[in-house]
């Protein structure tokens, strides 16, 4: 099974994939320690946001 076929199956049974993805990310954020989330988002413990060169 690949992401496209999973998306098709979810839509066929009436589950909007975007809503499911948002709910899954929200649940993950609630379970993961804050420093891990901050690092994933590029935030540093001193409150500065780390932006890669080139602004991407």
PDB file of N, CA and C in Angstrom:
ATOM      1  N   UNK A   1       0.856  -1.170   0.000  1.00  0.00           N
ATOM      2  CA  UNK A   1       0.000   0.000   0.000  1.00  0.00           C
ATOM      3  C   UNK A   1       0.901   1.231   0.000  1.00  0.00           C
ATOM      4  N   UNK A   2       0.536   2.212  -0.788  1.00  0.00           N
ATOM      5  CA  UNK A   2       1.297   3.455  -0.833  1.00  0.00           C
ATOM      6  C   UNK A   2       0.394   4.616  -0.412  1.00  0.00           C
ATOM      7  N   UNK A   3       0.957   5.806  -0.206  1.00  0.00           N
ATOM      8  CA  UNK A   3       0.144   6.934   0.270  1.00  0.00           C
ATOM      9  C   UNK A   3      -1.038   7.282  -0.629  1.00  0.00           C
ATOM     10  N   UNK A   4      -0.857   7.167  -1.922  1.00  0.00           N
ATOM     11  CA  UNK A   4      -1.944   7.511  -2.841  1.00  0.00           C
ATOM     12  C   UNK A   4      -3.099   6.517  -2.709  1.00  0.00           C
ATOM     13  N   UNK A   5      -2.785   5.237  -2.683  1.00  0.00           N
ATOM     14  CA  UNK A   5      -3.861   4.252  -2.567  1.00  0.00           C
ATOM     15  C   UNK A   5      -4.541   4.345  -1.205  1.00  0.00           C
ATOM     16  N   UNK A   6      -3.785   4.660  -0.175  1.00  0.00           N
ATOM     17  CA  UNK A   6      -4.380   4.844   1.157  1.00  0.00           C
ATOM     18  C   UNK A   6      -5.335   6.035   1.144  1.00  0.00           C
ATOM     19  N   UNK A   7      -4.926   7.110   0.491  1.00  0.00           N
ATOM     20  CA  UNK A   7      -5.777   8.292   0.386  1.00  0.00           C
ATOM     21  C   UNK A   7      -7.076   7.959  -0.341  1.00  0.00           C
ATOM     22  N   UNK A   8      -6.978   7.189  -1.410  1.00  0.00           N
ATOM     23  CA  UNK A   8      -8.166   6.793  -2.169  1.00  0.00           C
ATOM     24  C   UNK A   8      -9.102   5.973  -1.290  1.00  0.00           C
ATOM     25  N   UNK A   9      -8.553   5.008  -0.575  1.00  0.00           N
ATOM     26  CA  UNK A   9      -9.385   4.157   0.297  1.00  0.00           C
ATOM     27  C   UNK A   9     -10.043   4.969   1.408  1.00  0.00           C
ATOM     28  N   UNK A  10      -9.313   5.892   2.003  1.00  0.00           N
ATOM     29  CA  UNK A  10      -9.890   6.733   3.056  1.00  0.00           C
ATOM     30  C   UNK A  10     -11.045   7.559   2.511  1.00  0.00           C
ATOM     31  N   UNK A  11     -10.856   8.141   1.342  1.00  0.00           N
ATOM     32  CA  UNK A  11     -11.938   8.943   0.742  1.00  0.00           C
ATOM     33  C   UNK A  11     -13.155   8.077   0.418  1.00  0.00           C
ATOM     34  N   UNK A  12     -12.913   6.847  -0.036  1.00  0.00           N
ATOM     35  CA  UNK A  12     -14.024   5.951  -0.384  1.00  0.00           C
ATOM     36  C   UNK A  12     -14.896   5.636   0.824  1.00  0.00           C
ATOM     37  N   UNK A  13     -14.292   5.555   2.005  1.00  0.00           N
ATOM     38  CA  UNK A  13     -15.086   5.259   3.203  1.00  0.00           C
ATOM     39  C   UNK A  13     -15.517   6.517   3.953  1.00  0.00           C
ATOM     40  N   UNK A  14     -15.225   7.689   3.348  1.00  0.00           N
ATOM     41  CA  UNK A  14     -15.717   8.939   3.919  1.00  0.00           C
ATOM     42  C   UNK A  14     -14.816   9.603   4.935  1.00  0.00           C
ATOM     43  N   UNK A  15     -13.547   9.239   4.973  1.00  0.00           N
ATOM     44  CA  UNK A  15     -12.601   9.858   5.902  1.00  0.00           C
ATOM     45  C   UNK A  15     -11.725  10.832   5.122  1.00  0.00           C
ATOM     46  N   UNK A  16     -11.854  12.146   5.400  1.00  0.00           N
ATOM     47  CA  UNK A  16     -10.997  13.093   4.694  1.00  0.00           C
ATOM     48  C   UNK A  16      -9.554  12.979   5.187  1.00  0.00           C
ATOM     49  N   UNK A  17      -8.605  12.658   4.307  1.00  0.00           N
ATOM     50  CA  UNK A  17      -7.224  12.412   4.727  1.00  0.00           C
ATOM     51  C   UNK A  17      -6.569  13.602   5.432  1.00  0.00           C
ATOM     52  N   UNK A  18      -6.860  14.822   5.008  1.00  0.00           N
ATOM     53  CA  UNK A  18      -6.233  15.990   5.632  1.00  0.00           C
ATOM     54  C   UNK A  18      -6.621  16.082   7.099  1.00  0.00           C
ATOM     55  N   UNK A  19      -7.873  15.852   7.408  1.00  0.00           N
ATOM     56  CA  UNK A  19      -8.343  15.918   8.790  1.00  0.00           C
ATOM     57  C   UNK A  19      -7.648  14.851   9.633  1.00  0.00           C
ATOM     58  N   UNK A  20      -7.490  13.655   9.070  1.00  0.00           N
ATOM     59  CA  UNK A  20      -6.806  12.582   9.789  1.00  0.00           C
ATOM     60  C   UNK A  20      -5.346  12.906  10.025  1.00  0.00           C
ATOM     61  N   UNK A  21      -4.705  13.511   9.048  1.00  0.00           N
ATOM     62  CA  UNK A  21      -3.299  13.884   9.175  1.00  0.00           C
ATOM     63  C   UNK A  21      -3.139  14.954  10.249  1.00  0.00           C
ATOM     64  N   UNK A  22      -4.027  15.938  10.252  1.00  0.00           N
ATOM     65  CA  UNK A  22      -3.966  17.001  11.258  1.00  0.00           C
ATOM     66  C   UNK A  22      -4.161  16.431  12.656  1.00  0.00           C
ATOM     67  N   UNK A  23      -5.105  15.533  12.802  1.00  0.00           N
ATOM     68  CA  UNK A  23      -5.352  14.911  14.107  1.00  0.00           C
ATOM     69  C   UNK A  23      -4.154  14.090  14.566  1.00  0.00           C
ATOM     70  N   UNK A  24      -3.527  13.384  13.637  1.00  0.00           N
ATOM     71  CA  UNK A  24      -2.360  12.570  13.993  1.00  0.00           C
ATOM     72  C   UNK A  24      -1.196  13.449  14.435  1.00  0.00           C
ATOM     73  N   UNK A  25      -0.973  14.555  13.732  1.00  0.00           N
ATOM     74  CA  UNK A  25       0.114  15.463  14.121  1.00  0.00           C
ATOM     75  C   UNK A  25      -0.185  16.087  15.477  1.00  0.00           C
ATOM     76  N   UNK A  26      -1.415  16.509  15.699  1.00  0.00           N
ATOM     77  CA  UNK A  26      -1.796  17.091  16.989  1.00  0.00           C
ATOM     78  C   UNK A  26      -1.561  16.093  18.123  1.00  0.00           C
ATOM     79  N   UNK A  27      -1.947  14.843  17.924  1.00  0.00           N
ATOM     80  CA  UNK A  27      -1.751  13.827  18.959  1.00  0.00           C
ATOM     81  C   UNK A  27      -0.272  13.585  19.214  1.00  0.00           C
ATOM     82  N   UNK A  28       0.534  13.563  18.168  1.00  0.00           N
ATOM     83  CA  UNK A  28       1.973  13.379  18.319  1.00  0.00           C
ATOM     84  C   UNK A  28       2.578  14.525  19.128  1.00  0.00           C
ATOM     85  N   UNK A  29       2.170  15.756  18.818  1.00  0.00           N
ATOM     86  CA  UNK A  29       2.688  16.915  19.538  1.00  0.00           C
ATOM     87  C   UNK A  29       2.339  16.834  21.034  1.00  0.00           C
ATOM     88  N   UNK A  30       1.182  16.307  21.336  1.00  0.00           N
ATOM     89  CA  UNK A  30       0.783  16.191  22.737  1.00  0.00           C
ATOM     90  C   UNK A  30       1.592  15.126  23.484  1.00  0.00           C
ATOM     91  N   UNK A  31       2.118  14.145  22.773  1.00  0.00           N
ATOM     92  CA  UNK A  31       2.835  13.048  23.405  1.00  0.00           C
ATOM     93  C   UNK A  31       4.343  13.255  23.485  1.00  0.00           C
ATOM     94  N   UNK A  32       4.879  14.068  22.603  1.00  0.00           N
ATOM     95  CA  UNK A  32       6.330  14.245  22.511  1.00  0.00           C
ATOM     96  C   UNK A  32       6.768  15.377  23.442  1.00  0.00           C
ATOM     97  N   UNK A  33       7.909  15.234  24.116  1.00  0.00           N
ATOM     98  CA  UNK A  33       8.391  16.304  24.992  1.00  0.00           C
ATOM     99  C   UNK A  33       8.612  17.613  24.222  1.00  0.00           C
ATOM    100  N   UNK A  34       8.352  18.739  24.888  1.00  0.00           N
ATOM    101  CA  UNK A  34       8.454  20.061  24.265  1.00  0.00           C
ATOM    102  C   UNK A  34       9.812  20.316  23.602  1.00  0.00           C
ATOM    103  N   UNK A  35      10.943  19.934  24.227  1.00  0.00           N
ATOM    104  CA  UNK A  35      12.223  20.193  23.561  1.00  0.00           C
ATOM    105  C   UNK A  35      12.369  19.481  22.214  1.00  0.00           C
ATOM    106  N   UNK A  36      11.775  18.317  22.082  1.00  0.00           N
ATOM    107  CA  UNK A  36      11.841  17.575  20.823  1.00  0.00           C
ATOM    108  C   UNK A  36      11.045  18.311  19.748  1.00  0.00           C
ATOM    109  N   UNK A  37       9.861  18.794  20.108  1.00  0.00           N
ATOM    110  CA  UNK A  37       9.039  19.550  19.170  1.00  0.00           C
ATOM    111  C   UNK A  37       9.748  20.843  18.775  1.00  0.00           C
ATOM    112  N   UNK A  38      10.335  21.530  19.765  1.00  0.00           N
ATOM    113  CA  UNK A  38      11.049  22.783  19.488  1.00  0.00           C
ATOM    114  C   UNK A  38      12.194  22.552  18.511  1.00  0.00           C
ATOM    115  N   UNK A  39      12.940  21.489  18.714  1.00  0.00           N
ATOM    116  CA  UNK A  39      14.056  21.191  17.810  1.00  0.00           C
ATOM    117  C   UNK A  39      13.542  20.884  16.406  1.00  0.00           C
ATOM    118  N   UNK A  40      12.457  20.130  16.317  1.00  0.00           N
ATOM    119  CA  UNK A  40      11.894  19.790  15.014  1.00  0.00           C
ATOM    120  C   UNK A  40      11.407  21.029  14.269  1.00  0.00           C
ATOM    121  N   UNK A  41      10.956  22.044  15.024  1.00  0.00           N
ATOM    122  CA  UNK A  41      10.465  23.271  14.412  1.00  0.00           C
ATOM    123  C   UNK A  41      11.561  24.304  14.206  1.00  0.00           C
ATOM    124  N   UNK A  42      12.773  23.980  14.664  1.00  0.00           N
ATOM    125  CA  UNK A  42      13.886  24.895  14.482  1.00  0.00           C
ATOM    126  C   UNK A  42      14.006  25.941  15.567  1.00  0.00           C
ATOM    127  N   UNK A  43      13.336  25.715  16.694  1.00  0.00           N
ATOM    128  CA  UNK A  43      13.411  26.663  17.802  1.00  0.00           C
ATOM    129  C   UNK A  43      14.542  26.257  18.735  1.00  0.00           C
ATOM    130  N   UNK A  44      15.183  27.249  19.326  1.00  0.00           N
ATOM    131  CA  UNK A  44      16.265  26.995  20.274  1.00  0.00           C
ATOM    132  C   UNK A  44      15.752  27.300  21.669  1.00  0.00           C
ATOM    133  N   UNK A  45      16.367  26.710  22.693  1.00  0.00           N
ATOM    134  CA  UNK A  45      15.912  26.901  24.066  1.00  0.00           C
ATOM    135  C   UNK A  45      15.961  28.359  24.504  1.00  0.00           C
ATOM    136  N   UNK A  46      16.771  29.204  23.861  1.00  0.00           N
ATOM    137  CA  UNK A  46      16.831  30.610  24.243  1.00  0.00           C
ATOM    138  C   UNK A  46      15.746  31.436  23.552  1.00  0.00           C
ATOM    139  N   UNK A  47      14.882  30.788  22.809  1.00  0.00           N
ATOM    140  CA  UNK A  47      13.760  31.460  22.195  1.00  0.00           C
ATOM    141  C   UNK A  47      13.987  31.923  20.769  1.00  0.00           C
ATOM    142  N   UNK A  48      15.169  31.769  20.247  1.00  0.00           N
ATOM    143  CA  UNK A  48      15.435  32.171  18.877  1.00  0.00           C
ATOM    144  C   UNK A  48      15.041  31.062  17.909  1.00  0.00           C
ATOM    145  N   UNK A  49      14.612  31.466  16.752  1.00  0.00           N
ATOM    146  CA  UNK A  49      14.268  30.502  15.710  1.00  0.00           C
ATOM    147  C   UNK A  49      15.484  30.349  14.806  1.00  0.00           C
ATOM    148  N   UNK A  50      15.857  29.127  14.546  1.00  0.00           N
ATOM    149  CA  UNK A  50      16.987  28.830  13.680  1.00  0.00           C
ATOM    150  C   UNK A  50      16.459  28.669  12.260  1.00  0.00           C
ATOM    151  N   UNK A  51      16.911  29.523  11.354  1.00  0.00           N
ATOM    152  CA  UNK A  51      16.473  29.479   9.962  1.00  0.00           C
ATOM    153  C   UNK A  51      17.668  29.085   9.105  1.00  0.00           C
ATOM    154  N   UNK A  52      17.550  28.013   8.338  1.00  0.00           N
ATOM    155  CA  UNK A  52      18.657  27.606   7.469  1.00  0.00           C
ATOM    156  C   UNK A  52      18.987  28.706   6.462  1.00  0.00           C
ATOM    157  N   UNK A  53      20.234  28.743   6.024  1.00  0.00           N
ATOM    158  CA  UNK A  53      20.624  29.730   5.016  1.00  0.00           C
ATOM    159  C   UNK A  53      19.773  29.566   3.776  1.00  0.00           C
ATOM    160  N   UNK A  54      19.422  30.676   3.197  1.00  0.00           N
ATOM    161  CA  UNK A  54      18.544  30.646   2.037  1.00  0.00           C
ATOM    162  C   UNK A  54      17.085  30.810   2.417  1.00  0.00           C
ATOM    163  N   UNK A  55      16.798  30.848   3.725  1.00  0.00           N
ATOM    164  CA  UNK A  55      15.446  31.079   4.200  1.00  0.00           C
ATOM    165  C   UNK A  55      14.482  29.943   3.975  1.00  0.00           C
ATOM    166  N   UNK A  56      14.972  28.747   3.802  1.00  0.00           N
ATOM    167  CA  UNK A  56      14.078  27.621   3.547  1.00  0.00           C
ATOM    168  C   UNK A  56      13.899  26.775   4.760  1.00  0.00           C
TER     169      UNK A  56
END
